[in-house]
N, C-alpha and C. Protein backbone atom coordinates (compact mmCIF):
# COMPACT_ATOMS: atom_id res chain seq x y z
N MET A 1 129.85 218.09 55.13
CA MET A 1 128.99 218.47 54.01
C MET A 1 127.78 219.24 54.53
N GLN A 2 127.54 220.43 53.95
CA GLN A 2 126.40 221.23 54.37
C GLN A 2 125.08 220.56 53.95
N GLN A 3 124.14 220.53 54.87
CA GLN A 3 122.84 219.92 54.60
C GLN A 3 121.87 220.96 54.03
N ALA A 4 121.08 220.54 53.06
CA ALA A 4 120.09 221.44 52.46
C ALA A 4 119.01 221.78 53.47
N LEU A 5 118.46 222.97 53.34
CA LEU A 5 117.36 223.41 54.21
C LEU A 5 116.31 224.06 53.32
N ILE A 6 115.20 223.36 53.13
CA ILE A 6 114.13 223.83 52.25
C ILE A 6 113.16 224.69 53.06
N ILE A 7 112.79 225.84 52.51
CA ILE A 7 111.84 226.74 53.17
C ILE A 7 110.52 226.69 52.41
N ARG A 8 109.46 226.44 53.14
CA ARG A 8 108.12 226.41 52.55
C ARG A 8 107.26 227.50 53.21
N ARG A 9 106.70 228.37 52.40
CA ARG A 9 105.83 229.45 52.87
C ARG A 9 104.39 229.01 52.62
N LEU A 10 103.72 228.59 53.68
CA LEU A 10 102.42 227.93 53.55
C LEU A 10 101.24 228.87 53.63
N GLY A 11 101.45 230.11 54.06
CA GLY A 11 100.32 231.02 54.25
C GLY A 11 99.52 230.63 55.48
N LEU A 12 98.22 230.93 55.46
CA LEU A 12 97.33 230.60 56.58
C LEU A 12 96.89 229.15 56.47
N THR A 13 97.16 228.35 57.51
CA THR A 13 96.82 226.92 57.48
C THR A 13 96.08 226.52 58.75
N GLU A 14 95.25 225.49 58.64
CA GLU A 14 94.58 224.94 59.82
C GLU A 14 95.61 224.24 60.71
N PHE A 15 95.49 224.45 62.00
CA PHE A 15 96.47 223.91 62.94
C PHE A 15 96.53 222.38 62.88
N GLN A 16 95.39 221.73 62.99
CA GLN A 16 95.38 220.27 63.12
C GLN A 16 95.91 219.59 61.86
N SER A 17 95.50 220.06 60.70
CA SER A 17 95.96 219.44 59.46
C SER A 17 97.45 219.67 59.25
N THR A 18 97.95 220.81 59.70
CA THR A 18 99.39 221.07 59.59
C THR A 18 100.18 220.16 60.52
N CYS A 19 99.67 219.94 61.72
CA CYS A 19 100.33 218.98 62.64
C CYS A 19 100.35 217.59 62.04
N GLN A 20 99.26 217.17 61.43
CA GLN A 20 99.22 215.85 60.80
C GLN A 20 100.22 215.76 59.65
N ALA A 21 100.37 216.85 58.90
CA ALA A 21 101.34 216.87 57.80
C ALA A 21 102.76 216.75 58.33
N MET A 22 103.04 217.40 59.46
CA MET A 22 104.37 217.28 60.06
C MET A 22 104.63 215.85 60.54
N GLN A 23 103.63 215.24 61.14
CA GLN A 23 103.79 213.86 61.60
C GLN A 23 104.09 212.92 60.44
N ARG A 24 103.37 213.11 59.32
CA ARG A 24 103.62 212.28 58.14
C ARG A 24 105.03 212.50 57.60
N PHE A 25 105.42 213.77 57.51
CA PHE A 25 106.75 214.09 57.01
C PHE A 25 107.81 213.40 57.86
N ASN A 26 107.66 213.49 59.17
CA ASN A 26 108.66 212.93 60.07
C ASN A 26 108.69 211.41 60.00
N ALA A 27 107.51 210.80 59.85
CA ALA A 27 107.44 209.34 59.80
C ALA A 27 107.98 208.77 58.49
N GLU A 28 107.83 209.53 57.41
CA GLU A 28 108.19 209.02 56.09
C GLU A 28 109.57 209.45 55.62
N ARG A 29 110.20 210.39 56.33
CA ARG A 29 111.47 210.90 55.84
C ARG A 29 112.55 209.82 55.89
N LYS A 30 113.47 209.93 54.96
CA LYS A 30 114.59 209.00 54.84
C LYS A 30 115.87 209.66 55.37
N PRO A 31 116.94 208.88 55.51
CA PRO A 31 118.20 209.48 56.02
C PRO A 31 118.70 210.66 55.18
N ASP A 32 118.37 210.68 53.89
CA ASP A 32 118.84 211.77 53.04
C ASP A 32 117.75 212.81 52.73
N THR A 33 116.61 212.73 53.40
CA THR A 33 115.56 213.72 53.18
C THR A 33 116.02 215.09 53.65
N PRO A 34 115.94 216.11 52.79
CA PRO A 34 116.37 217.45 53.23
C PRO A 34 115.51 217.96 54.39
N ASP A 35 116.13 218.71 55.29
CA ASP A 35 115.39 219.35 56.36
C ASP A 35 114.56 220.50 55.80
N GLU A 36 113.51 220.87 56.54
CA GLU A 36 112.61 221.91 56.06
C GLU A 36 112.22 222.85 57.19
N LEU A 37 111.94 224.11 56.81
CA LEU A 37 111.30 225.09 57.68
C LEU A 37 109.96 225.44 57.05
N TRP A 38 108.89 225.36 57.84
CA TRP A 38 107.55 225.69 57.34
C TRP A 38 107.10 226.98 58.00
N LEU A 39 106.88 228.01 57.18
CA LEU A 39 106.38 229.29 57.68
C LEU A 39 104.87 229.33 57.51
N THR A 40 104.17 229.66 58.59
CA THR A 40 102.71 229.68 58.51
C THR A 40 102.12 230.60 59.57
N GLU A 41 100.82 230.82 59.47
CA GLU A 41 99.98 231.39 60.52
C GLU A 41 98.76 230.49 60.64
N HIS A 42 98.10 230.55 61.79
CA HIS A 42 96.90 229.74 61.98
C HIS A 42 95.70 230.61 62.32
N PRO A 43 94.50 230.17 61.93
CA PRO A 43 93.29 230.79 62.46
C PRO A 43 93.27 230.61 63.98
N PRO A 44 92.44 231.36 64.70
CA PRO A 44 92.44 231.28 66.17
C PRO A 44 92.26 229.84 66.68
N VAL A 45 93.19 229.41 67.54
CA VAL A 45 93.13 228.05 68.09
C VAL A 45 93.98 228.00 69.36
N TYR A 46 93.50 227.28 70.36
CA TYR A 46 94.33 226.93 71.52
C TYR A 46 94.93 225.55 71.25
N SER A 47 96.23 225.41 71.49
CA SER A 47 96.85 224.09 71.35
C SER A 47 97.35 223.62 72.70
N LEU A 48 97.02 222.38 73.03
CA LEU A 48 97.35 221.80 74.32
C LEU A 48 98.37 220.69 74.11
N GLY A 49 99.59 220.89 74.62
CA GLY A 49 100.68 219.94 74.43
C GLY A 49 100.57 218.73 75.34
N LEU A 50 101.63 217.95 75.39
CA LEU A 50 101.60 216.68 76.10
C LEU A 50 101.62 216.83 77.61
N ASN A 51 102.07 217.95 78.12
CA ASN A 51 102.08 218.20 79.57
C ASN A 51 100.74 218.80 79.97
N ARG A 52 99.77 217.94 80.29
CA ARG A 52 98.39 218.39 80.50
C ARG A 52 97.97 218.41 81.96
N ARG A 53 98.92 218.23 82.86
CA ARG A 53 98.60 218.27 84.29
C ARG A 53 98.43 219.71 84.75
N GLN A 54 97.40 219.95 85.54
CA GLN A 54 97.14 221.25 86.14
C GLN A 54 97.11 222.37 85.10
N VAL A 55 96.42 222.12 84.02
CA VAL A 55 96.26 223.12 82.96
C VAL A 55 94.90 223.80 83.11
N ARG A 56 94.91 225.13 83.08
CA ARG A 56 93.65 225.88 83.11
C ARG A 56 93.13 225.99 81.67
N LEU A 57 92.06 225.28 81.40
CA LEU A 57 91.49 225.30 80.05
C LEU A 57 90.69 226.57 79.83
N PRO A 58 90.67 227.08 78.61
CA PRO A 58 89.95 228.34 78.34
C PRO A 58 88.44 228.18 78.50
N GLN A 59 87.83 229.12 79.19
CA GLN A 59 86.39 229.10 79.39
C GLN A 59 85.72 229.96 78.31
N ARG A 60 85.86 229.54 77.09
CA ARG A 60 85.20 230.22 75.97
C ARG A 60 85.01 229.20 74.86
N ASP A 61 83.92 229.35 74.13
CA ASP A 61 83.58 228.35 73.13
C ASP A 61 83.72 228.86 71.69
N ASP A 62 84.27 230.06 71.53
CA ASP A 62 84.41 230.62 70.18
C ASP A 62 85.75 230.27 69.54
N ILE A 63 86.67 229.71 70.34
CA ILE A 63 87.98 229.31 69.82
C ILE A 63 88.20 227.85 70.19
N PRO A 64 88.47 226.98 69.23
CA PRO A 64 88.65 225.55 69.55
C PRO A 64 89.94 225.29 70.31
N THR A 65 89.93 224.23 71.10
CA THR A 65 91.13 223.73 71.77
C THR A 65 91.49 222.39 71.14
N VAL A 66 92.72 222.27 70.66
CA VAL A 66 93.16 221.08 69.94
C VAL A 66 94.31 220.44 70.69
N LEU A 67 94.22 219.13 70.90
CA LEU A 67 95.32 218.39 71.51
C LEU A 67 96.41 218.17 70.47
N THR A 68 97.66 218.29 70.91
CA THR A 68 98.78 218.10 69.99
C THR A 68 99.90 217.35 70.69
N ASP A 69 100.85 216.86 69.92
CA ASP A 69 101.89 216.00 70.48
C ASP A 69 103.21 216.73 70.71
N ARG A 70 103.19 218.05 70.71
CA ARG A 70 104.42 218.77 71.07
C ARG A 70 104.60 218.77 72.59
N GLY A 71 105.79 219.17 73.04
CA GLY A 71 106.01 219.34 74.45
C GLY A 71 105.32 220.60 74.96
N GLY A 72 105.26 220.72 76.29
CA GLY A 72 104.69 221.92 76.89
C GLY A 72 103.21 221.80 77.18
N LYS A 73 102.64 222.92 77.63
CA LYS A 73 101.23 222.94 78.05
C LYS A 73 100.37 223.65 77.02
N ILE A 74 99.64 224.68 77.42
CA ILE A 74 98.67 225.29 76.52
C ILE A 74 99.16 226.66 76.04
N THR A 75 98.87 226.96 74.79
CA THR A 75 99.15 228.28 74.25
C THR A 75 98.08 228.63 73.23
N TYR A 76 98.21 229.82 72.68
CA TYR A 76 97.22 230.31 71.70
C TYR A 76 97.94 230.68 70.41
N HIS A 77 97.30 230.36 69.28
CA HIS A 77 97.77 230.78 67.97
C HIS A 77 96.67 231.56 67.27
N GLY A 78 97.06 232.57 66.50
CA GLY A 78 96.10 233.34 65.74
C GLY A 78 96.78 234.14 64.65
N PRO A 79 96.01 234.70 63.73
CA PRO A 79 96.58 235.52 62.66
C PRO A 79 97.41 236.67 63.24
N GLY A 80 98.53 236.95 62.60
CA GLY A 80 99.43 237.98 63.10
C GLY A 80 100.53 237.43 63.97
N GLN A 81 100.52 236.13 64.18
CA GLN A 81 101.59 235.44 64.90
C GLN A 81 102.39 234.63 63.87
N VAL A 82 103.69 234.88 63.82
CA VAL A 82 104.56 234.15 62.89
C VAL A 82 104.94 232.81 63.50
N ILE A 83 104.70 231.74 62.76
CA ILE A 83 105.05 230.40 63.22
C ILE A 83 106.04 229.79 62.24
N VAL A 84 107.12 229.24 62.77
CA VAL A 84 108.08 228.50 61.95
C VAL A 84 108.19 227.09 62.52
N TYR A 85 107.75 226.11 61.75
CA TYR A 85 107.91 224.72 62.14
C TYR A 85 109.25 224.21 61.62
N VAL A 86 109.96 223.51 62.50
CA VAL A 86 111.35 223.13 62.26
C VAL A 86 111.42 221.61 62.12
N LEU A 87 111.56 221.15 60.90
CA LEU A 87 111.58 219.71 60.62
C LEU A 87 112.99 219.33 60.23
N ILE A 88 113.77 218.95 61.23
CA ILE A 88 115.19 218.72 60.98
C ILE A 88 115.66 217.42 61.62
N ASP A 89 116.72 216.88 61.05
CA ASP A 89 117.42 215.71 61.56
C ASP A 89 118.49 216.22 62.52
N LEU A 90 118.28 216.03 63.82
CA LEU A 90 119.19 216.60 64.81
C LEU A 90 120.60 216.02 64.69
N ALA A 91 120.70 214.71 64.58
CA ALA A 91 122.03 214.08 64.54
C ALA A 91 122.81 214.56 63.32
N ARG A 92 122.13 214.68 62.20
CA ARG A 92 122.81 215.09 60.97
C ARG A 92 123.34 216.52 61.07
N ARG A 93 122.67 217.33 61.88
CA ARG A 93 123.10 218.72 62.07
C ARG A 93 123.91 218.90 63.35
N HIS A 94 124.30 217.78 63.97
CA HIS A 94 125.12 217.83 65.18
C HIS A 94 124.43 218.64 66.28
N LEU A 95 123.14 218.42 66.45
CA LEU A 95 122.35 219.12 67.46
C LEU A 95 121.76 218.13 68.46
N ASN A 96 121.55 218.60 69.68
CA ASN A 96 120.69 217.91 70.63
C ASN A 96 119.55 218.85 70.99
N ILE A 97 118.65 218.42 71.86
CA ILE A 97 117.48 219.24 72.13
C ILE A 97 117.87 220.58 72.75
N ARG A 98 118.87 220.58 73.63
CA ARG A 98 119.27 221.83 74.28
C ARG A 98 119.88 222.81 73.28
N SER A 99 120.76 222.31 72.42
CA SER A 99 121.38 223.20 71.44
C SER A 99 120.36 223.68 70.41
N LEU A 100 119.37 222.85 70.09
CA LEU A 100 118.31 223.28 69.18
C LEU A 100 117.51 224.41 69.81
N VAL A 101 117.13 224.25 71.07
CA VAL A 101 116.40 225.32 71.76
C VAL A 101 117.23 226.61 71.76
N ASN A 102 118.53 226.48 72.00
CA ASN A 102 119.39 227.67 72.00
C ASN A 102 119.37 228.37 70.65
N VAL A 103 119.45 227.59 69.57
CA VAL A 103 119.42 228.19 68.24
C VAL A 103 118.12 228.95 68.02
N LEU A 104 117.00 228.35 68.37
CA LEU A 104 115.70 228.99 68.15
C LEU A 104 115.56 230.25 68.99
N GLU A 105 115.89 230.15 70.28
CA GLU A 105 115.76 231.32 71.15
C GLU A 105 116.70 232.44 70.73
N ASN A 106 117.95 232.09 70.47
CA ASN A 106 118.93 233.12 70.11
C ASN A 106 118.61 233.80 68.79
N THR A 107 117.98 233.08 67.88
CA THR A 107 117.58 233.68 66.61
C THR A 107 116.56 234.78 66.84
N VAL A 108 115.57 234.51 67.67
CA VAL A 108 114.56 235.53 67.98
C VAL A 108 115.19 236.70 68.73
N ILE A 109 116.07 236.40 69.68
CA ILE A 109 116.75 237.46 70.45
C ILE A 109 117.56 238.36 69.52
N GLU A 110 118.27 237.77 68.56
CA GLU A 110 119.06 238.55 67.60
C GLU A 110 118.15 239.41 66.72
N LEU A 111 117.04 238.85 66.30
CA LEU A 111 116.10 239.60 65.46
C LEU A 111 115.55 240.81 66.20
N LEU A 112 115.14 240.60 67.44
CA LEU A 112 114.60 241.71 68.23
C LEU A 112 115.67 242.76 68.49
N ALA A 113 116.91 242.33 68.72
CA ALA A 113 118.00 243.28 68.96
C ALA A 113 118.21 244.20 67.76
N GLU A 114 118.03 243.66 66.57
CA GLU A 114 118.18 244.49 65.36
C GLU A 114 117.10 245.56 65.27
N HIS A 115 116.01 245.34 66.00
CA HIS A 115 114.94 246.34 66.05
C HIS A 115 114.99 247.16 67.35
N GLY A 116 116.11 247.06 68.06
CA GLY A 116 116.30 247.88 69.24
C GLY A 116 115.66 247.36 70.51
N ILE A 117 115.29 246.09 70.53
CA ILE A 117 114.61 245.50 71.69
C ILE A 117 115.54 244.49 72.37
N ASN A 118 115.76 244.67 73.66
CA ASN A 118 116.56 243.73 74.43
C ASN A 118 115.67 242.58 74.90
N ALA A 119 116.05 241.38 74.58
CA ALA A 119 115.26 240.20 74.94
C ALA A 119 116.17 239.15 75.55
N THR A 120 115.58 238.25 76.31
CA THR A 120 116.34 237.21 77.00
C THR A 120 115.59 235.88 76.92
N SER A 121 116.31 234.81 77.28
CA SER A 121 115.69 233.49 77.44
C SER A 121 115.78 233.10 78.90
N ARG A 122 115.09 232.01 79.26
CA ARG A 122 115.11 231.51 80.63
C ARG A 122 115.34 230.01 80.60
N LYS A 123 116.24 229.53 81.48
CA LYS A 123 116.51 228.09 81.53
C LYS A 123 115.30 227.31 82.03
N ASP A 124 114.50 227.91 82.91
CA ASP A 124 113.39 227.19 83.52
C ASP A 124 112.11 227.26 82.69
N ALA A 125 112.08 228.09 81.66
CA ALA A 125 110.86 228.27 80.88
C ALA A 125 111.23 228.65 79.45
N PRO A 126 111.33 227.67 78.54
CA PRO A 126 111.76 227.98 77.18
C PRO A 126 110.90 229.06 76.53
N GLY A 127 111.56 229.85 75.69
CA GLY A 127 110.89 230.95 75.02
C GLY A 127 111.75 232.19 75.08
N VAL A 128 111.18 233.32 74.64
CA VAL A 128 111.89 234.59 74.63
C VAL A 128 111.04 235.63 75.36
N TYR A 129 111.71 236.44 76.18
CA TYR A 129 111.03 237.36 77.08
C TYR A 129 111.60 238.77 76.94
N VAL A 130 110.75 239.76 77.16
CA VAL A 130 111.16 241.16 77.16
C VAL A 130 110.59 241.84 78.39
N GLN A 131 111.10 243.02 78.69
CA GLN A 131 110.58 243.82 79.79
C GLN A 131 109.58 244.82 79.22
N ILE A 132 108.42 244.91 79.86
CA ILE A 132 107.41 245.88 79.45
C ILE A 132 107.02 246.74 80.65
N THR A 133 106.52 247.93 80.37
CA THR A 133 106.03 248.82 81.42
C THR A 133 104.69 249.39 80.99
N ASP A 134 103.88 249.76 81.98
CA ASP A 134 102.67 250.54 81.71
C ASP A 134 102.55 251.59 82.79
N THR A 135 101.49 252.35 82.76
CA THR A 135 101.34 253.48 83.69
C THR A 135 100.99 253.05 85.10
N GLN A 136 100.60 251.79 85.28
CA GLN A 136 100.14 251.34 86.58
C GLN A 136 101.13 250.44 87.31
N THR A 137 102.10 249.90 86.62
CA THR A 137 103.01 248.93 87.24
C THR A 137 104.45 249.25 86.89
N ASP A 138 105.35 248.67 87.66
CA ASP A 138 106.76 248.74 87.33
C ASP A 138 107.04 247.80 86.15
N ALA A 139 108.28 247.84 85.67
CA ALA A 139 108.66 246.95 84.58
C ALA A 139 108.44 245.49 84.96
N GLN A 140 107.90 244.73 84.04
CA GLN A 140 107.68 243.32 84.30
C GLN A 140 107.98 242.51 83.04
N GLU A 141 108.21 241.23 83.25
CA GLU A 141 108.58 240.35 82.16
C GLU A 141 107.35 239.92 81.37
N ALA A 142 107.50 239.87 80.06
CA ALA A 142 106.42 239.41 79.19
C ALA A 142 107.00 238.49 78.12
N LYS A 143 106.24 237.49 77.77
CA LYS A 143 106.69 236.53 76.76
C LYS A 143 106.28 237.01 75.37
N ILE A 144 107.23 236.93 74.45
CA ILE A 144 106.95 237.36 73.08
C ILE A 144 107.07 236.22 72.08
N ALA A 145 107.79 235.17 72.46
CA ALA A 145 107.96 234.01 71.57
C ALA A 145 107.92 232.73 72.39
N SER A 146 107.27 231.71 71.83
CA SER A 146 107.12 230.42 72.51
C SER A 146 107.74 229.32 71.68
N LEU A 147 108.18 228.27 72.37
CA LEU A 147 108.74 227.09 71.72
C LEU A 147 107.95 225.85 72.13
N GLY A 148 107.74 224.98 71.19
CA GLY A 148 107.14 223.68 71.47
C GLY A 148 107.67 222.68 70.47
N LEU A 149 108.32 221.62 70.94
CA LEU A 149 109.01 220.70 70.05
C LEU A 149 108.61 219.26 70.32
N ARG A 150 108.80 218.42 69.32
CA ARG A 150 108.65 216.97 69.48
C ARG A 150 109.82 216.30 68.78
N ILE A 151 110.47 215.38 69.47
CA ILE A 151 111.60 214.65 68.91
C ILE A 151 111.22 213.18 68.80
N LYS A 152 111.36 212.61 67.61
CA LYS A 152 111.17 211.19 67.38
C LYS A 152 112.32 210.68 66.52
N ASN A 153 112.98 209.64 67.00
CA ASN A 153 114.10 209.05 66.26
C ASN A 153 115.15 210.09 65.89
N ASP A 154 115.40 211.01 66.81
CA ASP A 154 116.40 212.06 66.63
C ASP A 154 116.02 213.05 65.54
N ARG A 155 114.73 213.11 65.24
CA ARG A 155 114.24 214.06 64.24
C ARG A 155 113.16 214.92 64.87
N CYS A 156 113.21 216.21 64.57
CA CYS A 156 112.36 217.19 65.25
C CYS A 156 111.24 217.67 64.35
N TYR A 157 110.10 217.98 64.98
CA TYR A 157 109.07 218.77 64.31
C TYR A 157 108.38 219.65 65.36
N HIS A 158 107.37 220.42 64.93
CA HIS A 158 106.85 221.59 65.65
C HIS A 158 107.93 222.67 65.63
N GLY A 159 107.87 223.69 66.48
CA GLY A 159 108.83 224.77 66.35
C GLY A 159 108.59 225.95 67.25
N LEU A 160 108.56 227.16 66.66
CA LEU A 160 108.44 228.38 67.46
C LEU A 160 107.37 229.29 66.90
N SER A 161 106.83 230.14 67.80
CA SER A 161 105.87 231.16 67.40
C SER A 161 106.32 232.50 67.95
N LEU A 162 106.20 233.55 67.14
CA LEU A 162 106.59 234.90 67.52
C LEU A 162 105.38 235.82 67.32
N ASN A 163 104.99 236.49 68.39
CA ASN A 163 103.84 237.39 68.33
C ASN A 163 104.25 238.71 67.67
N VAL A 164 103.56 239.06 66.59
CA VAL A 164 103.93 240.25 65.83
C VAL A 164 102.83 241.31 65.88
N ASP A 165 101.69 241.02 65.28
CA ASP A 165 100.59 241.99 65.23
C ASP A 165 99.28 241.21 65.25
N MET A 166 98.86 240.82 66.45
CA MET A 166 97.72 239.93 66.61
C MET A 166 96.83 240.41 67.75
N ASP A 167 95.67 239.80 67.87
CA ASP A 167 94.79 240.02 69.01
C ASP A 167 95.31 239.16 70.16
N LEU A 168 95.83 239.80 71.20
CA LEU A 168 96.40 239.07 72.32
C LEU A 168 95.37 238.68 73.38
N SER A 169 94.15 239.16 73.27
CA SER A 169 93.16 238.94 74.33
C SER A 169 92.87 237.46 74.60
N PRO A 170 92.92 236.55 73.60
CA PRO A 170 92.67 235.14 73.92
C PRO A 170 93.66 234.54 74.91
N PHE A 171 94.85 235.12 75.04
CA PHE A 171 95.81 234.63 76.05
C PHE A 171 95.27 234.82 77.47
N GLU A 172 94.36 235.78 77.65
CA GLU A 172 93.85 236.06 78.98
C GLU A 172 93.00 234.92 79.52
N ALA A 173 92.52 234.05 78.65
CA ALA A 173 91.66 232.94 79.07
C ALA A 173 92.45 231.72 79.51
N ILE A 174 93.79 231.78 79.41
CA ILE A 174 94.63 230.63 79.76
C ILE A 174 95.81 231.11 80.62
N ASP A 175 96.54 230.15 81.16
CA ASP A 175 97.85 230.42 81.74
C ASP A 175 98.87 230.09 80.65
N PRO A 176 99.37 231.09 79.94
CA PRO A 176 100.23 230.81 78.78
C PRO A 176 101.40 229.90 79.12
N CYS A 177 101.48 228.78 78.40
CA CYS A 177 102.55 227.79 78.61
C CYS A 177 102.55 227.25 80.03
N GLY A 178 101.39 227.38 80.72
CA GLY A 178 101.26 226.82 82.06
C GLY A 178 101.64 227.75 83.19
N TYR A 179 101.96 229.01 82.89
CA TYR A 179 102.40 229.95 83.92
C TYR A 179 101.30 230.97 84.21
N ALA A 180 100.77 230.91 85.43
CA ALA A 180 99.72 231.84 85.83
C ALA A 180 100.26 233.27 85.86
N ASN A 181 99.44 234.19 85.39
CA ASN A 181 99.75 235.63 85.41
C ASN A 181 100.92 236.02 84.51
N LEU A 182 101.33 235.13 83.62
CA LEU A 182 102.39 235.48 82.70
C LEU A 182 101.87 236.47 81.66
N LYS A 183 102.54 237.60 81.54
CA LYS A 183 102.17 238.59 80.55
C LYS A 183 102.66 238.15 79.17
N VAL A 184 101.92 238.57 78.16
CA VAL A 184 102.27 238.27 76.77
C VAL A 184 102.30 239.58 76.00
N THR A 185 103.25 239.72 75.11
CA THR A 185 103.35 240.93 74.31
C THR A 185 103.66 240.57 72.87
N GLN A 186 103.84 241.59 72.03
CA GLN A 186 104.11 241.39 70.61
C GLN A 186 104.98 242.52 70.08
N THR A 187 105.57 242.31 68.91
CA THR A 187 106.50 243.30 68.38
C THR A 187 105.81 244.65 68.15
N LYS A 188 104.58 244.64 67.69
CA LYS A 188 103.86 245.89 67.43
C LYS A 188 103.77 246.74 68.69
N ASP A 189 103.48 246.10 69.83
CA ASP A 189 103.32 246.84 71.08
C ASP A 189 104.65 247.32 71.65
N LEU A 190 105.76 246.83 71.11
CA LEU A 190 107.09 247.28 71.52
C LEU A 190 107.61 248.40 70.62
N GLY A 191 106.77 248.85 69.70
CA GLY A 191 107.15 249.94 68.82
C GLY A 191 107.81 249.53 67.53
N ILE A 192 107.83 248.23 67.25
CA ILE A 192 108.39 247.74 65.99
C ILE A 192 107.31 247.84 64.92
N THR A 193 107.57 248.60 63.87
CA THR A 193 106.55 248.86 62.86
C THR A 193 106.60 247.89 61.69
N ALA A 194 107.61 247.03 61.64
CA ALA A 194 107.72 246.07 60.54
C ALA A 194 106.49 245.17 60.49
N SER A 195 106.06 244.84 59.28
CA SER A 195 104.86 244.04 59.07
C SER A 195 105.10 242.58 59.45
N VAL A 196 104.01 241.83 59.54
CA VAL A 196 104.10 240.40 59.81
C VAL A 196 104.96 239.73 58.75
N GLN A 197 104.75 240.09 57.49
CA GLN A 197 105.50 239.47 56.40
C GLN A 197 107.00 239.79 56.50
N THR A 198 107.32 241.03 56.84
CA THR A 198 108.72 241.43 56.96
C THR A 198 109.41 240.69 58.11
N ILE A 199 108.76 240.66 59.26
CA ILE A 199 109.32 239.95 60.41
C ILE A 199 109.50 238.47 60.08
N ALA A 200 108.53 237.89 59.40
CA ALA A 200 108.60 236.47 59.05
C ALA A 200 109.82 236.19 58.17
N GLU A 201 110.05 237.02 57.17
CA GLU A 201 111.18 236.80 56.28
C GLU A 201 112.51 237.02 57.00
N GLN A 202 112.55 238.02 57.89
CA GLN A 202 113.77 238.25 58.66
C GLN A 202 114.06 237.05 59.57
N LEU A 203 113.01 236.50 60.16
CA LEU A 203 113.18 235.35 61.04
C LEU A 203 113.68 234.14 60.26
N LEU A 204 113.10 233.88 59.10
CA LEU A 204 113.54 232.77 58.27
C LEU A 204 115.00 232.92 57.86
N GLN A 205 115.38 234.12 57.45
CA GLN A 205 116.75 234.37 57.01
C GLN A 205 117.73 234.12 58.15
N LYS A 206 117.42 234.64 59.32
CA LYS A 206 118.31 234.47 60.46
C LYS A 206 118.37 233.01 60.91
N LEU A 207 117.23 232.35 60.92
CA LEU A 207 117.20 230.96 61.36
C LEU A 207 118.02 230.09 60.41
N SER A 208 117.86 230.30 59.13
CA SER A 208 118.63 229.53 58.15
C SER A 208 120.13 229.76 58.34
N ALA A 209 120.51 231.02 58.52
CA ALA A 209 121.92 231.36 58.70
C ALA A 209 122.47 230.74 59.99
N ASN A 210 121.68 230.75 61.05
CA ASN A 210 122.16 230.21 62.32
C ASN A 210 122.29 228.70 62.29
N PHE A 211 121.38 228.02 61.61
CA PHE A 211 121.53 226.58 61.44
C PHE A 211 122.79 226.26 60.63
N LYS A 212 123.03 227.04 59.59
CA LYS A 212 124.22 226.83 58.76
C LYS A 212 125.49 227.06 59.58
N HIS A 213 125.51 228.15 60.36
CA HIS A 213 126.68 228.46 61.17
C HIS A 213 126.91 227.39 62.23
N ARG A 214 125.82 226.92 62.85
CA ARG A 214 125.93 225.90 63.89
C ARG A 214 126.52 224.61 63.31
N GLN A 215 126.08 224.24 62.10
CA GLN A 215 126.59 223.03 61.48
C GLN A 215 128.06 223.18 61.07
N GLN A 216 128.41 224.36 60.54
CA GLN A 216 129.80 224.59 60.16
C GLN A 216 130.72 224.50 61.37
N SER A 217 130.28 225.06 62.50
CA SER A 217 131.09 225.02 63.72
C SER A 217 131.28 223.58 64.19
N ALA A 218 130.19 222.80 64.14
CA ALA A 218 130.27 221.41 64.57
C ALA A 218 131.20 220.61 63.66
N MET A 219 131.13 220.86 62.35
CA MET A 219 131.99 220.14 61.41
C MET A 219 133.45 220.53 61.61
N THR A 220 133.71 221.80 61.90
CA THR A 220 135.09 222.25 62.15
C THR A 220 135.65 221.59 63.39
N ASN A 221 134.82 221.51 64.42
CA ASN A 221 135.27 220.85 65.66
C ASN A 221 135.56 219.37 65.44
N GLU A 222 134.73 218.71 64.63
CA GLU A 222 134.96 217.30 64.33
C GLU A 222 136.29 217.12 63.57
N THR A 223 136.56 218.03 62.63
CA THR A 223 137.81 217.94 61.87
C THR A 223 139.03 218.10 62.78
N LYS A 224 138.93 219.05 63.74
CA LYS A 224 140.04 219.28 64.66
C LYS A 224 140.31 218.06 65.53
N LYS A 225 139.24 217.34 65.90
CA LYS A 225 139.40 216.16 66.74
C LYS A 225 140.23 215.07 66.03
N HIS A 226 140.13 215.05 64.69
CA HIS A 226 140.81 214.00 63.94
C HIS A 226 142.16 214.44 63.38
N ASP A 227 142.54 215.68 63.66
CA ASP A 227 143.84 216.16 63.20
C ASP A 227 144.97 215.66 64.10
């Protein structure tokens, strides 16, 4: 049986209150609670995940740093970055953490490919990466999308962020996701002219379709096992 997937378009939301809302949703959900995707953007904020060892904290006081319960280290959120929070029951969708990460990464990779951009993922560093060049250096890897997840009782919250058309300079004050000298880029700088709103809707559409396809494949495999 296909599981419902509710999409909520929240607009611009405060990071901390949104995290608290996700925690409440996850704690209160029942076995039959529909899964949800929350589309949002945040005002400028650094978020520091549960892996806080050897983290270079930003030396600036104009952007707050907020502790959060997702995995990973430190990253930056700001207007012009598309965020999709993924509140799903993993077991019900026949997913584990690795397959969930694959769905999220591959969705972004597919979206970028439709805009003519070749992107990849890395086993050692979750997220999506592209090759960039400038006049002073050879081609180098840059991160365009980040993942940060929390699993409780086989249910997930937090999600992914995709840089579209934002001020990237706050990333310079941190080691993004804990990696020193990691370059960060966005769709606008890759020549993609689609707006934040357009990219967001394309991402939601693809993510919904990929979750549906993943569940259908898992259900088909289960049926074959019992034939």
